PDB file of N, CA and C in Angstrom:
ATOM      1  N   MET A   1      -7.624  15.889  11.785  1.00  0.00           N
ATOM      2  CA  MET A   1      -6.105  15.846  10.914  1.00  0.00           C
ATOM      3  C   MET A   1      -6.835  15.273   9.998  1.00  0.00           C
ATOM      4  N   GLY A   2      -8.066  14.790   9.250  1.00  0.00           N
ATOM      5  CA  GLY A   2      -8.114  14.040   8.478  1.00  0.00           C
ATOM      6  C   GLY A   2      -8.793  15.037   7.749  1.00  0.00           C
ATOM      7  N   ALA A   3      -9.232  16.319   7.868  1.00  0.00           N
ATOM      8  CA  ALA A   3      -9.619  17.099   7.331  1.00  0.00           C
ATOM      9  C   ALA A   3      -7.951  17.954   6.490  1.00  0.00           C
ATOM     10  N   TYR A   4      -6.849  18.514   7.700  1.00  0.00           N
ATOM     11  CA  TYR A   4      -5.802  18.558   7.323  1.00  0.00           C
ATOM     12  C   TYR A   4      -5.048  17.701   6.634  1.00  0.00           C
ATOM     13  N   ASP A   5      -5.491  16.526   6.726  1.00  0.00           N
ATOM     14  CA  ASP A   5      -5.077  15.738   5.034  1.00  0.00           C
ATOM     15  C   ASP A   5      -5.777  15.891   3.816  1.00  0.00           C
ATOM     16  N   GLY A   6      -7.159  16.159   3.724  1.00  0.00           N
ATOM     17  CA  GLY A   6      -8.128  16.703   2.781  1.00  0.00           C
ATOM     18  C   GLY A   6      -7.827  17.241   2.026  1.00  0.00           C
ATOM     19  N   ALA A   7      -7.097  18.750   3.214  1.00  0.00           N
ATOM     20  CA  ALA A   7      -6.584  20.096   2.315  1.00  0.00           C
ATOM     21  C   ALA A   7      -5.269  20.008   1.579  1.00  0.00           C
ATOM     22  N   ALA A   8      -4.702  18.735   2.229  1.00  0.00           N
ATOM     23  CA  ALA A   8      -2.945  18.686   1.346  1.00  0.00           C
ATOM     24  C   ALA A   8      -3.493  18.128   0.228  1.00  0.00           C
ATOM     25  N   ILE A   9      -4.067  17.063   0.194  1.00  0.00           N
ATOM     26  CA  ILE A   9      -4.358  16.636  -1.412  1.00  0.00           C
ATOM     27  C   ILE A   9      -4.945  17.019  -2.121  1.00  0.00           C
ATOM     28  N   ILE A  10      -6.057  17.903  -2.129  1.00  0.00           N
ATOM     29  CA  ILE A  10      -6.633  18.903  -2.949  1.00  0.00           C
ATOM     30  C   ILE A  10      -5.867  19.494  -3.226  1.00  0.00           C
ATOM     31  N   VAL A  11      -4.941  20.010  -2.110  1.00  0.00           N
ATOM     32  CA  VAL A  11      -3.902  21.638  -2.569  1.00  0.00           C
ATOM     33  C   VAL A  11      -3.010  20.793  -3.749  1.00  0.00           C
ATOM     34  N   GLU A  12      -2.728  19.419  -3.280  1.00  0.00           N
ATOM     35  CA  GLU A  12      -1.313  18.448  -4.050  1.00  0.00           C
ATOM     36  C   GLU A  12      -2.203  18.427  -5.307  1.00  0.00           C
ATOM     37  N   ALA A  13      -3.258  18.075  -5.774  1.00  0.00           N
ATOM     38  CA  ALA A  13      -3.774  17.751  -6.888  1.00  0.00           C
ATOM     39  C   ALA A  13      -3.725  19.151  -7.865  1.00  0.00           C
ATOM     40  N   ILE A  14      -4.237  20.329  -7.220  1.00  0.00           N
ATOM     41  CA  ILE A  14      -4.033  21.712  -7.996  1.00  0.00           C
ATOM     42  C   ILE A  14      -2.780  22.161  -8.210  1.00  0.00           C
ATOM     43  N   LYS A  15      -1.936  22.196  -7.402  1.00  0.00           N
ATOM     44  CA  LYS A  15      -0.271  22.268  -7.557  1.00  0.00           C
ATOM     45  C   LYS A  15       0.322  21.396  -9.016  1.00  0.00           C
ATOM     46  N   GLN A  16      -0.147  20.001  -8.976  1.00  0.00           N
ATOM     47  CA  GLN A  16       0.555  19.247 -10.257  1.00  0.00           C
ATOM     48  C   GLN A  16      -0.475  19.744 -11.066  1.00  0.00           C
ATOM     49  N   GLN A  17      -1.650  19.939 -11.635  1.00  0.00           N
ATOM     50  CA  GLN A  17      -2.453  20.492 -12.598  1.00  0.00           C
ATOM     51  C   GLN A  17      -2.257  21.976 -13.146  1.00  0.00           C
ATOM     52  N   LYS A  18      -1.835  22.517 -12.041  1.00  0.00           N
ATOM     53  CA  LYS A  18      -1.199  23.893 -12.492  1.00  0.00           C
ATOM     54  C   LYS A  18      -2.786  24.983 -13.006  1.00  0.00           C
ATOM     55  N   GLY A  19      -3.792  24.556 -11.738  1.00  0.00           N
ATOM     56  CA  GLY A  19      -4.721  25.144 -11.980  1.00  0.00           C
ATOM     57  C   GLY A  19      -5.863  24.774 -12.950  1.00  0.00           C
ATOM     58  N   LYS A  20      -4.976  23.634 -13.693  1.00  0.00           N
ATOM     59  CA  LYS A  20      -6.717  23.164 -14.644  1.00  0.00           C
ATOM     60  C   LYS A  20      -6.693  22.075 -14.586  1.00  0.00           C
ATOM     61  N   LEU A  21      -8.130  21.435 -13.526  1.00  0.00           N
ATOM     62  CA  LEU A  21      -8.185  20.419 -13.216  1.00  0.00           C
ATOM     63  C   LEU A  21      -9.194  19.826 -14.318  1.00  0.00           C
ATOM     64  N   ASP A  22      -8.417  18.445 -14.442  1.00  0.00           N
ATOM     65  CA  ASP A  22      -9.425  17.077 -14.705  1.00  0.00           C
ATOM     66  C   ASP A  22      -8.925  15.836 -13.952  1.00  0.00           C
ATOM     67  N   PRO A  23     -10.499  15.828 -13.571  1.00  0.00           N
ATOM     68  CA  PRO A  23     -11.038  14.639 -13.537  1.00  0.00           C
ATOM     69  C   PRO A  23     -10.278  13.278 -12.602  1.00  0.00           C
ATOM     70  N   ASP A  24     -10.189  12.727 -14.251  1.00  0.00           N
ATOM     71  CA  ASP A  24      -9.096  11.614 -14.472  1.00  0.00           C
ATOM     72  C   ASP A  24      -7.766  12.003 -13.486  1.00  0.00           C
ATOM     73  N   LYS A  25      -7.111  12.661 -14.052  1.00  0.00           N
ATOM     74  CA  LYS A  25      -5.874  12.890 -13.452  1.00  0.00           C
ATOM     75  C   LYS A  25      -6.057  13.399 -11.975  1.00  0.00           C
ATOM     76  N   THR A  26      -6.956  13.963 -11.487  1.00  0.00           N
ATOM     77  CA  THR A  26      -7.290  14.244 -10.529  1.00  0.00           C
ATOM     78  C   THR A  26      -6.796  12.665  -9.208  1.00  0.00           C
ATOM     79  N   MET A  27      -8.431  11.814  -9.987  1.00  0.00           N
ATOM     80  CA  MET A  27      -8.165  10.618  -9.551  1.00  0.00           C
ATOM     81  C   MET A  27      -6.695  10.036  -9.287  1.00  0.00           C
ATOM     82  N   GLU A  28      -6.015   9.961 -10.408  1.00  0.00           N
ATOM     83  CA  GLU A  28      -4.488   9.507 -10.445  1.00  0.00           C
ATOM     84  C   GLU A  28      -4.041   9.957  -9.256  1.00  0.00           C
ATOM     85  N   ILE A  29      -4.120  11.457  -9.360  1.00  0.00           N
ATOM     86  CA  ILE A  29      -3.089  11.742  -8.304  1.00  0.00           C
ATOM     87  C   ILE A  29      -3.241  11.434  -7.047  1.00  0.00           C
ATOM     88  N   PHE A  30      -4.585  10.979  -6.952  1.00  0.00           N
ATOM     89  CA  PHE A  30      -5.242  10.872  -5.184  1.00  0.00           C
ATOM     90  C   PHE A  30      -4.863   9.019  -4.506  1.00  0.00           C
ATOM     91  N   LYS A  31      -4.860   8.750  -6.203  1.00  0.00           N
ATOM     92  CA  LYS A  31      -4.449   7.542  -5.943  1.00  0.00           C
ATOM     93  C   LYS A  31      -3.102   7.037  -5.485  1.00  0.00           C
ATOM     94  N   SER A  32      -2.408   8.015  -5.988  1.00  0.00           N
ATOM     95  CA  SER A  32      -0.846   7.498  -5.794  1.00  0.00           C
ATOM     96  C   SER A  32      -0.271   8.571  -4.669  1.00  0.00           C
ATOM     97  N   TRP A  33      -1.120   9.373  -4.251  1.00  0.00           N
ATOM     98  CA  TRP A  33      -0.560  10.693  -2.535  1.00  0.00           C
ATOM     99  C   TRP A  33      -0.094   9.662  -1.914  1.00  0.00           C
ATOM    100  N   LYS A  34       1.054  10.341  -1.071  1.00  0.00           N
ATOM    101  CA  LYS A  34       1.645  10.161  -0.552  1.00  0.00           C
ATOM    102  C   LYS A  34       2.148  11.610   0.399  1.00  0.00           C
ATOM    103  N   ASN A  35       2.306  11.213   1.500  1.00  0.00           N
ATOM    104  CA  ASN A  35       2.331  12.842   2.573  1.00  0.00           C
ATOM    105  C   ASN A  35       3.224  11.736   3.863  1.00  0.00           C
ATOM    106  N   PRO A  36       4.566  12.323   4.041  1.00  0.00           N
ATOM    107  CA  PRO A  36       5.951  11.697   4.705  1.00  0.00           C
ATOM    108  C   PRO A  36       5.408  12.747   6.272  1.00  0.00           C
ATOM    109  N   ASN A  37       4.714  13.340   6.176  1.00  0.00           N
ATOM    110  CA  ASN A  37       4.628  14.850   6.911  1.00  0.00           C
ATOM    111  C   ASN A  37       3.219  15.099   7.684  1.00  0.00           C
ATOM    112  N   SER A  38       2.566  14.389   7.358  1.00  0.00           N
ATOM    113  CA  SER A  38       1.064  14.584   8.234  1.00  0.00           C
ATOM    114  C   SER A  38       1.014  14.502   9.783  1.00  0.00           C
ATOM    115  N   PRO A  39       0.160  15.022  10.167  1.00  0.00           N
ATOM    116  CA  PRO A  39      -0.222  15.041  11.549  1.00  0.00           C
ATOM    117  C   PRO A  39      -0.009  13.963  12.189  1.00  0.00           C
ATOM    118  N   ARG A  40      -0.404  12.478  11.583  1.00  0.00           N
ATOM    119  CA  ARG A  40      -0.386  11.672  11.981  1.00  0.00           C
ATOM    120  C   ARG A  40       0.427  10.602  11.367  1.00  0.00           C
ATOM    121  N   GLY A  41       1.386  11.152  11.247  1.00  0.00           N
ATOM    122  CA  GLY A  41       2.511  10.268  10.632  1.00  0.00           C
ATOM    123  C   GLY A  41       2.842  10.100   9.019  1.00  0.00           C
ATOM    124  N   PRO A  42       3.502   9.439   8.348  1.00  0.00           N
ATOM    125  CA  PRO A  42       3.297   9.576   7.221  1.00  0.00           C
ATOM    126  C   PRO A  42       2.686   8.629   6.684  1.00  0.00           C
ATOM    127  N   ILE A  43       1.605   9.297   5.819  1.00  0.00           N
ATOM    128  CA  ILE A  43       0.163   8.142   5.292  1.00  0.00           C
ATOM    129  C   ILE A  43       0.884   8.117   3.837  1.00  0.00           C
ATOM    130  N   SER A  44      -0.372   7.274   2.869  1.00  0.00           N
ATOM    131  CA  SER A  44      -0.644   7.373   1.857  1.00  0.00           C
ATOM    132  C   SER A  44      -1.960   6.938   1.144  1.00  0.00           C
ATOM    133  N   ILE A  45      -2.067   6.874   0.286  1.00  0.00           N
ATOM    134  CA  ILE A  45      -3.507   6.244  -0.415  1.00  0.00           C
ATOM    135  C   ILE A  45      -3.307   4.796  -0.696  1.00  0.00           C
ATOM    136  N   ASP A  46      -4.450   4.121  -0.401  1.00  0.00           N
ATOM    137  CA  ASP A  46      -4.422   2.309  -0.698  1.00  0.00           C
ATOM    138  C   ASP A  46      -5.011   2.797  -2.715  1.00  0.00           C
ATOM    139  N   PRO A  47      -4.608   2.828  -3.574  1.00  0.00           N
ATOM    140  CA  PRO A  47      -4.832   2.748  -5.044  1.00  0.00           C
ATOM    141  C   PRO A  47      -6.251   1.877  -5.062  1.00  0.00           C
ATOM    142  N   GLU A  48      -5.853   0.896  -4.415  1.00  0.00           N
ATOM    143  CA  GLU A  48      -7.418  -0.064  -5.245  1.00  0.00           C
ATOM    144  C   GLU A  48      -8.675   0.120  -3.717  1.00  0.00           C
ATOM    145  N   THR A  49      -8.380   0.552  -2.570  1.00  0.00           N
ATOM    146  CA  THR A  49      -9.628   0.976  -1.515  1.00  0.00           C
ATOM    147  C   THR A  49      -9.470   2.395  -1.552  1.00  0.00           C
ATOM    148  N   ARG A  50      -8.860   3.072  -2.111  1.00  0.00           N
ATOM    149  CA  ARG A  50      -9.241   4.610  -1.356  1.00  0.00           C
ATOM    150  C   ARG A  50      -8.778   5.374  -0.548  1.00  0.00           C
ATOM    151  N   ASP A  51      -8.444   4.068   0.749  1.00  0.00           N
ATOM    152  CA  ASP A  51      -8.553   4.012   2.076  1.00  0.00           C
ATOM    153  C   ASP A  51      -7.019   4.519   2.262  1.00  0.00           C
ATOM    154  N   ILE A  52      -7.034   5.344   3.597  1.00  0.00           N
ATOM    155  CA  ILE A  52      -5.730   6.166   3.923  1.00  0.00           C
ATOM    156  C   ILE A  52      -5.198   4.332   4.643  1.00  0.00           C
ATOM    157  N   VAL A  53      -3.459   4.647   4.341  1.00  0.00           N
ATOM    158  CA  VAL A  53      -3.039   3.654   5.341  1.00  0.00           C
ATOM    159  C   VAL A  53      -1.765   4.613   6.080  1.00  0.00           C
ATOM    160  N   GLN A  54      -1.749   4.583   7.307  1.00  0.00           N
ATOM    161  CA  GLN A  54      -1.004   4.922   8.277  1.00  0.00           C
ATOM    162  C   GLN A  54      -0.631   3.637   9.583  1.00  0.00           C
ATOM    163  N   ASN A  55       0.584   4.829  10.243  1.00  0.00           N
ATOM    164  CA  ASN A  55       0.858   3.879  11.258  1.00  0.00           C
ATOM    165  C   ASN A  55       0.171   4.307  12.561  1.00  0.00           C
ATOM    166  N   GLU A  56      -0.215   2.878  13.426  1.00  0.00           N
ATOM    167  CA  GLU A  56      -0.711   2.377  14.342  1.00  0.00           C
ATOM    168  C   GLU A  56       0.186   2.863  15.475  1.00  0.00           C
ATOM    169  N   TYR A  57      -0.510   3.622  16.710  1.00  0.00           N
ATOM    170  CA  TYR A  57       0.578   3.987  17.773  1.00  0.00           C
ATOM    171  C   TYR A  57       0.018   3.824  18.843  1.00  0.00           C
ATOM    172  N   LEU A  58       0.595   3.301  19.981  1.00  0.00           N
ATOM    173  CA  LEU A  58       0.270   3.121  21.158  1.00  0.00           C
ATOM    174  C   LEU A  58       0.920   3.902  21.983  1.00  0.00           C
ATOM    175  N   ARG A  59      -0.049   5.382  22.811  1.00  0.00           N
ATOM    176  CA  ARG A  59       0.188   6.825  23.313  1.00  0.00           C
ATOM    177  C   ARG A  59      -0.586   6.346  24.355  1.00  0.00           C
ATOM    178  N   GLU A  60       0.096   7.206  25.249  1.00  0.00           N
ATOM    179  CA  GLU A  60      -0.774   7.595  26.884  1.00  0.00           C
ATOM    180  C   GLU A  60      -0.156   9.034  27.151  1.00  0.00           C
ATOM    181  N   VAL A  61      -1.558   9.442  28.031  1.00  0.00           N
ATOM    182  CA  VAL A  61      -1.374  10.580  28.617  1.00  0.00           C
ATOM    183  C   VAL A  61      -0.347  10.948  29.478  1.00  0.00           C
ATOM    184  N   ARG A  62      -0.013  11.766  29.477  1.00  0.00           N
ATOM    185  CA  ARG A  62       0.918  11.982  30.847  1.00  0.00           C
ATOM    186  C   ARG A  62       2.121  13.226  30.721  1.00  0.00           C
ATOM    187  N   LYS A  63       1.553  14.077  32.290  1.00  0.00           N
ATOM    188  CA  LYS A  63       2.293  15.046  32.597  1.00  0.00           C
ATOM    189  C   LYS A  63       4.116  15.474  31.789  1.00  0.00           C
ATOM    190  N   VAL A  64       4.007  15.997  31.067  1.00  0.00           N
ATOM    191  CA  VAL A  64       5.359  16.981  30.358  1.00  0.00           C
ATOM    192  C   VAL A  64       5.401  18.227  30.751  1.00  0.00           C
ATOM    193  N   GLY A  65       6.670  18.361  31.495  1.00  0.00           N
ATOM    194  CA  GLY A  65       6.546  20.096  31.788  1.00  0.00           C
ATOM    195  C   GLY A  65       5.195  20.968  32.578  1.00  0.00           C
ATOM    196  N   GLY A  66       4.915  19.502  33.063  1.00  0.00           N
ATOM    197  CA  GLY A  66       3.379  20.608  33.880  1.00  0.00           C
ATOM    198  C   GLY A  66       1.655  20.465  33.168  1.00  0.00           C
ATOM    199  N   GLN A  67       2.711  20.055  32.098  1.00  0.00           N
ATOM    200  CA  GLN A  67       0.714  19.869  30.939  1.00  0.00           C
ATOM    201  C   GLN A  67       0.573  18.851  30.357  1.00  0.00           C
ATOM    202  N   LEU A  68      -0.423  18.661  30.365  1.00  0.00           N
ATOM    203  CA  LEU A  68      -0.618  16.485  29.447  1.00  0.00           C
ATOM    204  C   LEU A  68       0.353  16.958  28.237  1.00  0.00           C
ATOM    205  N   ALA A  69       0.444  16.081  27.721  1.00  0.00           N
ATOM    206  CA  ALA A  69       0.867  15.696  26.206  1.00  0.00           C
ATOM    207  C   ALA A  69       0.636  14.272  25.984  1.00  0.00           C
ATOM    208  N   ASN A  70       0.010  13.761  24.618  1.00  0.00           N
ATOM    209  CA  ASN A  70      -0.343  12.399  24.301  1.00  0.00           C
ATOM    210  C   ASN A  70       1.168  12.322  23.964  1.00  0.00           C
ATOM    211  N   VAL A  71       1.919  10.930  24.384  1.00  0.00           N
ATOM    212  CA  VAL A  71       3.128  10.333  24.297  1.00  0.00           C
ATOM    213  C   VAL A  71       3.270   8.876  23.567  1.00  0.00           C
ATOM    214  N   GLU A  72       3.949   9.131  22.907  1.00  0.00           N
ATOM    215  CA  GLU A  72       4.033   7.940  22.081  1.00  0.00           C
ATOM    216  C   GLU A  72       4.817   6.726  22.562  1.00  0.00           C
ATOM    217  N   ILE A  73       4.274   5.778  23.022  1.00  0.00           N
ATOM    218  CA  ILE A  73       5.128   4.811  23.925  1.00  0.00           C
ATOM    219  C   ILE A  73       5.388   3.483  22.589  1.00  0.00           C
ATOM    220  N   GLU A  74       4.906   3.337  21.611  1.00  0.00           N
ATOM    221  CA  GLU A  74       5.707   2.219  20.523  1.00  0.00           C
ATOM    222  C   GLU A  74       4.651   2.295  19.228  1.00  0.00           C
ATOM    223  N   THR A  75       5.286   2.017  17.811  1.00  0.00           N
ATOM    224  CA  THR A  75       4.404   1.817  16.967  1.00  0.00           C
ATOM    225  C   THR A  75       4.389   0.467  16.383  1.00  0.00           C
ATOM    226  N   LEU A  76       2.959   1.051  16.790  1.00  0.00           N
ATOM    227  CA  LEU A  76       2.700  -0.597  16.783  1.00  0.00           C
ATOM    228  C   LEU A  76       2.537  -1.349  15.036  1.00  0.00           C
ATOM    229  N   GLY A  77       2.163  -0.763  14.625  1.00  0.00           N
ATOM    230  CA  GLY A  77       2.342  -1.657  12.958  1.00  0.00           C
ATOM    231  C   GLY A  77       2.603   0.162  11.856  1.00  0.00           C
ATOM    232  N   THR A  78       3.331  -0.281  10.946  1.00  0.00           N
ATOM    233  CA  THR A  78       3.864   0.553   9.890  1.00  0.00           C
ATOM    234  C   THR A  78       3.230   0.771   8.710  1.00  0.00           C
ATOM    235  N   ALA A  79       2.823   1.510   8.051  1.00  0.00           N
ATOM    236  CA  ALA A  79       2.298   1.716   6.422  1.00  0.00           C
ATOM    237  C   ALA A  79       0.509   0.191   6.933  1.00  0.00           C
ATOM    238  N   VAL A  80       0.196   0.838   7.780  1.00  0.00           N
ATOM    239  CA  VAL A  80      -1.392  -0.312   7.713  1.00  0.00           C
ATOM    240  C   VAL A  80      -2.593  -0.017   7.907  1.00  0.00           C
ATOM    241  N   LYS A  81      -2.846  -1.273   6.674  1.00  0.00           N
ATOM    242  CA  LYS A  81      -4.159  -1.033   6.050  1.00  0.00           C
ATOM    243  C   LYS A  81      -5.466  -1.246   7.153  1.00  0.00           C
ATOM    244  N   ASP A  82      -7.019  -0.925   6.562  1.00  0.00           N
ATOM    245  CA  ASP A  82      -7.654  -0.896   7.043  1.00  0.00           C
ATOM    246  C   ASP A  82      -7.949  -2.694   7.815  1.00  0.00           C
ATOM    247  N   PRO A  83      -8.089  -3.468   8.613  1.00  0.00           N
ATOM    248  CA  PRO A  83      -7.999  -4.669   8.609  1.00  0.00           C
ATOM    249  C   PRO A  83      -9.177  -5.557   8.503  1.00  0.00           C
ATOM    250  N   TRP A  84     -10.367  -4.708   8.277  1.00  0.00           N
ATOM    251  CA  TRP A  84     -11.761  -5.132   7.816  1.00  0.00           C
ATOM    252  C   TRP A  84     -11.978  -5.149   6.033  1.00  0.00           C
ATOM    253  N   LYS A  85     -11.012  -4.027   6.025  1.00  0.00           N
ATOM    254  CA  LYS A  85     -11.707  -4.195   4.091  1.00  0.00           C
ATOM    255  C   LYS A  85     -10.440  -5.407   3.738  1.00  0.00           C
ATOM    256  N   GLU A  86      -9.081  -6.000   4.562  1.00  0.00           N
ATOM    257  CA  GLU A  86      -8.711  -6.510   4.123  1.00  0.00           C
ATOM    258  C   GLU A  86      -8.815  -7.920   4.480  1.00  0.00           C
ATOM    259  N   PHE A  87      -9.834  -8.441   5.339  1.00  0.00           N
ATOM    260  CA  PHE A  87     -10.046  -9.262   5.755  1.00  0.00           C
ATOM    261  C   PHE A  87     -11.511 -10.054   4.438  1.00  0.00           C
ATOM    262  N   GLN A  88     -12.584  -8.961   4.394  1.00  0.00           N
ATOM    263  CA  GLN A  88     -13.394  -9.128   3.162  1.00  0.00           C
ATOM    264  C   GLN A  88     -12.649  -9.562   2.059  1.00  0.00           C
ATOM    265  N   LYS A  89     -11.486  -9.170   1.429  1.00  0.00           N
ATOM    266  CA  LYS A  89     -10.902 -10.107   0.899  1.00  0.00           C
ATOM    267  C   LYS A  89     -10.892 -11.490   0.175  1.00  0.00           C
ATOM    268  N   LYS A  90     -11.408 -11.807   1.350  1.00  0.00           N
ATOM    269  CA  LYS A  90     -10.892 -13.112   1.525  1.00  0.00           C
ATOM    270  C   LYS A  90     -12.211 -13.977   0.933  1.00  0.00           C
TER     271      LYS A  90
END
């Protein structure tokens, strides 16, 4: 998923700049980027740390239709930032 999201953010920067990339503009696009349709659920970039912000899910593997599937049980947190970096700010 990280590679998918990485490619998506690069494509978005290229589209917004119509193929004429400027490093400063690219960083501004990256800092404010959001993707509601990522395979991992809705994500964004924390402009301060440049880390991914995403939901946290509780899942378990179950048999669904005779095949194993990753089934979401509960969303534990929405738009969760890296807790270690949040702790380090204090």
